[in-house]
N, C-alpha and C. Protein backbone atom coordinates (compact mmCIF):
# COMPACT_ATOMS: atom_id res chain seq x y z
N MET A 1 -11.94 -21.24 4.05
CA MET A 1 -11.26 -21.39 2.81
C MET A 1 -9.89 -20.53 3.26
N ALA A 2 -8.83 -20.80 2.74
CA ALA A 2 -7.35 -20.42 2.71
C ALA A 2 -7.13 -19.07 1.62
N TYR A 3 -6.87 -18.04 1.89
CA TYR A 3 -6.71 -17.06 1.08
C TYR A 3 -5.22 -16.70 1.54
N LYS A 4 -4.45 -15.97 0.04
CA LYS A 4 -3.29 -15.37 0.18
C LYS A 4 -3.28 -14.17 0.96
N LEU A 5 -2.43 -13.93 2.20
CA LEU A 5 -2.67 -12.68 2.92
C LEU A 5 -1.39 -12.11 3.10
N VAL A 6 -1.38 -10.54 2.99
CA VAL A 6 -0.20 -9.96 3.20
C VAL A 6 -0.70 -9.12 4.73
N TYR A 7 0.24 -8.63 5.54
CA TYR A 7 -0.24 -7.87 6.79
C TYR A 7 0.78 -6.56 6.79
N ALA A 8 0.28 -5.53 7.41
CA ALA A 8 1.02 -4.29 7.82
C ALA A 8 0.46 -3.68 9.02
N THR A 9 1.48 -2.96 9.68
CA THR A 9 0.76 -2.10 10.55
C THR A 9 0.89 -0.70 10.34
N VAL A 10 0.07 0.16 10.86
CA VAL A 10 0.23 1.50 10.57
C VAL A 10 -0.44 2.40 11.78
N ARG A 11 0.74 3.00 12.29
CA ARG A 11 0.85 4.17 13.56
C ARG A 11 -0.42 4.69 13.78
N ASP A 12 -0.90 4.75 14.84
CA ASP A 12 -2.24 5.54 15.38
C ASP A 12 -1.78 6.83 15.77
N ASP A 13 -2.47 7.87 15.94
CA ASP A 13 -2.24 9.25 16.49
C ASP A 13 -1.89 8.96 17.98
N HIS A 14 -2.42 7.86 18.75
CA HIS A 14 -2.13 7.66 20.05
C HIS A 14 -0.90 7.01 20.38
N PRO A 15 0.05 6.98 21.26
CA PRO A 15 1.26 6.33 21.36
C PRO A 15 0.85 4.90 21.90
N ARG A 16 1.72 3.92 21.24
CA ARG A 16 1.57 2.54 21.51
C ARG A 16 0.23 1.95 20.87
N LYS A 17 -0.22 2.71 20.08
CA LYS A 17 -1.53 2.21 19.20
C LYS A 17 -1.36 2.02 18.17
N VAL A 18 -1.69 0.96 17.23
CA VAL A 18 -1.47 0.40 15.90
C VAL A 18 -2.74 0.09 15.28
N ILE A 19 -2.73 0.26 14.06
CA ILE A 19 -3.95 0.00 13.03
C ILE A 19 -3.32 -1.43 12.42
N HIS A 20 -4.17 -2.46 12.59
CA HIS A 20 -3.70 -3.68 11.85
C HIS A 20 -4.41 -3.74 10.47
N ALA A 21 -3.53 -3.82 9.35
CA ALA A 21 -4.21 -3.88 7.86
C ALA A 21 -3.80 -5.20 7.47
N ILE A 22 -4.76 -5.84 6.97
CA ILE A 22 -4.62 -7.22 6.22
C ILE A 22 -5.36 -7.03 4.85
N ARG A 23 -4.42 -7.62 3.75
CA ARG A 23 -4.78 -7.60 2.42
C ARG A 23 -5.25 -8.65 1.92
N VAL A 24 -6.22 -8.96 1.05
CA VAL A 24 -6.48 -10.09 0.66
C VAL A 24 -5.96 -10.03 -0.84
N VAL A 25 -5.02 -11.03 -1.39
CA VAL A 25 -4.51 -10.83 -2.57
C VAL A 25 -5.17 -11.84 -3.52
N ASP A 26 -5.33 -11.44 -4.89
CA ASP A 26 -5.54 -12.31 -5.86
C ASP A 26 -7.18 -12.82 -5.84
N THR A 27 -7.97 -12.33 -5.00
CA THR A 27 -9.33 -12.54 -4.78
C THR A 27 -10.20 -11.53 -4.40
N LEU A 28 -11.55 -11.71 -4.54
CA LEU A 28 -12.32 -10.46 -4.17
C LEU A 28 -13.43 -11.47 -3.17
N LEU A 29 -13.64 -10.95 -2.10
CA LEU A 29 -14.26 -11.59 -0.91
C LEU A 29 -15.91 -10.82 -0.93
N GLU A 30 -16.67 -11.65 -0.46
CA GLU A 30 -18.02 -11.26 -0.28
C GLU A 30 -17.78 -10.58 1.20
N PHE A 31 -18.98 -9.65 1.52
CA PHE A 31 -19.03 -9.15 2.96
C PHE A 31 -18.68 -9.99 3.98
N GLU A 32 -19.85 -10.81 4.09
CA GLU A 32 -19.71 -12.03 5.06
C GLU A 32 -18.34 -12.52 5.46
N GLU A 33 -17.48 -12.85 4.21
CA GLU A 33 -16.04 -13.58 4.49
C GLU A 33 -15.39 -12.49 4.77
N ILE A 34 -15.38 -11.26 4.45
CA ILE A 34 -14.72 -10.06 5.01
C ILE A 34 -14.85 -9.77 6.45
N GLU A 35 -16.18 -9.69 7.01
CA GLU A 35 -16.32 -9.93 8.54
C GLU A 35 -15.70 -11.21 9.30
N GLU A 36 -15.87 -12.31 8.73
CA GLU A 36 -15.16 -13.53 9.52
C GLU A 36 -13.81 -13.10 9.45
N LEU A 37 -13.19 -12.64 8.46
CA LEU A 37 -11.67 -12.53 8.21
C LEU A 37 -11.45 -11.58 9.38
N ALA A 38 -11.88 -10.49 9.65
CA ALA A 38 -11.72 -9.42 10.38
C ALA A 38 -11.70 -9.83 12.03
N ALA A 39 -13.03 -11.06 12.12
CA ALA A 39 -13.40 -11.36 13.36
C ALA A 39 -12.00 -12.61 13.84
N ARG A 40 -11.38 -13.18 12.76
CA ARG A 40 -10.30 -13.89 13.02
C ARG A 40 -8.95 -13.29 13.39
N MET A 41 -8.86 -12.14 12.45
CA MET A 41 -7.82 -11.11 12.86
C MET A 41 -7.93 -10.61 14.11
N ARG A 42 -9.13 -10.14 14.92
CA ARG A 42 -9.20 -9.71 15.94
C ARG A 42 -8.88 -10.88 17.25
N ALA A 43 -9.26 -11.96 17.01
CA ALA A 43 -8.83 -13.06 18.08
C ALA A 43 -7.43 -13.41 18.02
N HIS A 44 -6.89 -13.06 16.87
CA HIS A 44 -5.48 -13.36 16.67
C HIS A 44 -4.68 -12.43 17.47
N THR A 45 -4.99 -10.99 16.98
CA THR A 45 -4.50 -9.94 18.10
C THR A 45 -4.59 -10.03 19.58
N LEU A 46 -5.93 -10.39 19.85
CA LEU A 46 -6.46 -10.17 21.20
C LEU A 46 -5.11 -11.68 21.82
N ALA A 47 -4.74 -12.66 21.23
CA ALA A 47 -4.29 -13.81 21.71
C ALA A 47 -2.66 -13.51 21.63
N LYS A 48 -1.98 -12.65 20.76
CA LYS A 48 -0.94 -12.51 20.60
C LYS A 48 -0.40 -11.32 21.05
N HIS A 49 -1.08 -10.18 21.10
CA HIS A 49 -0.87 -8.79 21.80
C HIS A 49 -1.76 -8.39 22.76
N GLY A 50 -2.64 -9.23 23.14
CA GLY A 50 -3.53 -8.66 24.22
C GLY A 50 -4.06 -7.32 24.09
N GLU A 51 -4.42 -6.97 22.81
CA GLU A 51 -5.32 -6.08 22.63
C GLU A 51 -6.72 -6.59 22.59
N GLN A 52 -7.51 -5.63 23.51
CA GLN A 52 -8.92 -5.77 23.50
C GLN A 52 -9.70 -5.48 22.47
N GLU A 53 -9.45 -4.17 21.86
CA GLU A 53 -10.56 -3.69 20.71
C GLU A 53 -9.22 -3.19 19.93
N PRO A 54 -8.76 -4.34 18.74
CA PRO A 54 -7.66 -3.73 17.79
C PRO A 54 -8.42 -2.91 16.68
N ALA A 55 -7.95 -2.28 16.12
CA ALA A 55 -8.41 -1.55 14.75
C ALA A 55 -7.92 -2.18 13.71
N ILE A 56 -8.90 -3.06 13.25
CA ILE A 56 -8.37 -3.80 12.04
C ILE A 56 -9.05 -3.25 10.52
N VAL A 57 -8.28 -2.95 9.37
CA VAL A 57 -8.76 -2.93 8.24
C VAL A 57 -8.41 -3.83 7.11
N VAL A 58 -9.39 -4.10 6.41
CA VAL A 58 -9.07 -5.34 5.57
C VAL A 58 -9.10 -5.01 4.19
N VAL A 59 -8.13 -5.06 3.45
CA VAL A 59 -7.84 -4.15 2.21
C VAL A 59 -8.14 -5.36 1.03
N GLN A 60 -8.93 -5.27 -0.10
CA GLN A 60 -9.04 -6.07 -1.18
C GLN A 60 -9.08 -5.11 -2.36
N GLY A 61 -8.44 -6.05 -3.51
CA GLY A 61 -8.23 -5.47 -4.69
C GLY A 61 -7.03 -4.77 -5.12
N ASP A 62 -6.77 -4.79 -6.43
CA ASP A 62 -5.20 -4.44 -6.65
C ASP A 62 -5.49 -3.15 -7.73
N THR A 63 -6.77 -2.80 -8.43
CA THR A 63 -6.89 -1.74 -9.11
C THR A 63 -7.56 -0.59 -8.56
N LYS A 64 -7.64 0.74 -9.29
CA LYS A 64 -8.42 1.64 -8.81
C LYS A 64 -9.85 1.29 -8.76
N GLU A 65 -10.20 0.58 -9.81
CA GLU A 65 -11.64 0.28 -9.66
C GLU A 65 -12.17 -0.93 -8.76
N THR A 66 -11.06 -1.71 -8.36
CA THR A 66 -11.51 -2.95 -7.43
C THR A 66 -10.94 -2.50 -5.62
N LEU A 67 -10.15 -1.74 -5.86
CA LEU A 67 -9.80 -1.43 -4.50
C LEU A 67 -10.76 -0.92 -3.22
N ARG A 68 -10.89 -1.60 -2.46
CA ARG A 68 -11.82 -1.65 -1.39
C ARG A 68 -11.31 -1.75 0.43
N LEU A 69 -11.39 -0.77 0.97
CA LEU A 69 -10.86 -0.90 2.39
C LEU A 69 -12.19 -0.97 3.50
N PHE A 70 -12.01 -2.04 4.34
CA PHE A 70 -13.22 -2.10 5.27
C PHE A 70 -12.91 -1.99 6.69
N GLY A 71 -13.54 -1.49 7.25
CA GLY A 71 -13.11 -1.12 9.06
C GLY A 71 -13.68 0.01 9.45
N GLU A 72 -13.15 0.47 10.73
CA GLU A 72 -13.56 1.67 10.96
C GLU A 72 -13.08 2.94 10.43
N PRO A 73 -13.98 4.11 10.13
CA PRO A 73 -13.88 5.06 9.25
C PRO A 73 -12.26 5.59 9.33
N TYR A 74 -11.86 5.98 10.98
CA TYR A 74 -10.80 6.47 11.09
C TYR A 74 -9.47 5.91 10.67
N ALA A 75 -9.56 4.49 10.94
CA ALA A 75 -8.53 3.52 10.62
C ALA A 75 -8.29 3.46 9.02
N VAL A 76 -9.58 3.44 8.38
CA VAL A 76 -9.45 3.10 6.88
C VAL A 76 -9.08 4.26 6.52
N ALA A 77 -8.90 5.84 6.89
CA ALA A 77 -8.50 6.77 6.31
C ALA A 77 -7.01 6.76 6.57
N ARG A 78 -6.54 6.28 7.64
CA ARG A 78 -5.14 6.23 8.03
C ARG A 78 -4.23 4.99 6.94
N VAL A 79 -4.90 4.05 6.86
CA VAL A 79 -4.32 3.05 6.12
C VAL A 79 -4.42 3.65 4.68
N ARG A 80 -5.53 4.44 4.03
CA ARG A 80 -5.68 4.79 2.69
C ARG A 80 -4.60 5.97 2.56
N ALA A 81 -4.16 6.76 3.67
CA ALA A 81 -3.13 7.55 3.26
C ALA A 81 -1.78 6.98 3.34
N ALA A 82 -1.44 5.93 4.16
CA ALA A 82 -0.30 5.29 4.28
C ALA A 82 -0.01 4.54 3.00
N MET A 83 -0.82 4.04 2.16
CA MET A 83 -0.73 3.29 1.18
C MET A 83 -0.66 4.35 -0.11
N PHE A 84 -1.23 5.40 -0.27
CA PHE A 84 -1.01 6.53 -1.17
C PHE A 84 0.41 7.17 -0.81
N ASN A 85 0.90 7.32 0.20
CA ASN A 85 2.15 8.09 0.57
C ASN A 85 3.20 6.57 0.48
N ALA A 86 3.14 5.51 0.20
CA ALA A 86 4.03 4.67 -0.04
C ALA A 86 4.50 4.16 1.47
N ALA A 87 4.10 4.77 2.49
CA ALA A 87 4.40 4.58 3.75
C ALA A 87 4.06 3.09 4.61
N ILE A 88 3.70 2.13 3.92
CA ILE A 88 3.32 0.76 4.26
C ILE A 88 3.89 -0.35 4.10
N ARG A 89 4.40 -1.27 4.60
CA ARG A 89 5.54 -2.25 4.20
C ARG A 89 4.56 -3.38 4.46
N TRP A 90 4.02 -4.17 3.16
CA TRP A 90 3.58 -5.43 3.44
C TRP A 90 4.12 -6.69 3.43
N SER A 91 4.16 -7.54 4.63
CA SER A 91 4.70 -8.86 4.50
C SER A 91 3.70 -9.97 4.62
N GLN A 92 4.11 -11.26 4.39
CA GLN A 92 3.34 -12.27 4.07
C GLN A 92 2.68 -12.64 5.53
N PHE A 93 1.64 -13.13 5.44
CA PHE A 93 0.93 -13.61 6.70
C PHE A 93 -0.05 -14.75 6.57
N ILE A 94 -0.04 -15.69 7.59
CA ILE A 94 -0.82 -16.87 7.56
C ILE A 94 -1.80 -16.62 8.78
N LEU A 95 -2.81 -16.58 8.81
CA LEU A 95 -3.89 -16.64 9.82
C LEU A 95 -4.64 -17.73 10.17
């Protein structure tokens, strides 16, 4: 199923490492769909950037009550901080 997606990167503490954040707009997904979207994003980053184990965070929801972040805990914390500080720039993305 096609979702409207936006994409951003957040710098990690390590040099030359980034966290890939993908946000689902206008819909709420089930956990299985989120895992499938993260797996497709991992395959995309492997093909495009050659990253073997990229840090992927899936963001969904647009209000305080519905906002949820899925991924590794350190990556989720970095993306959440970047969103809180308005230090993240989203762009349209087709996967």
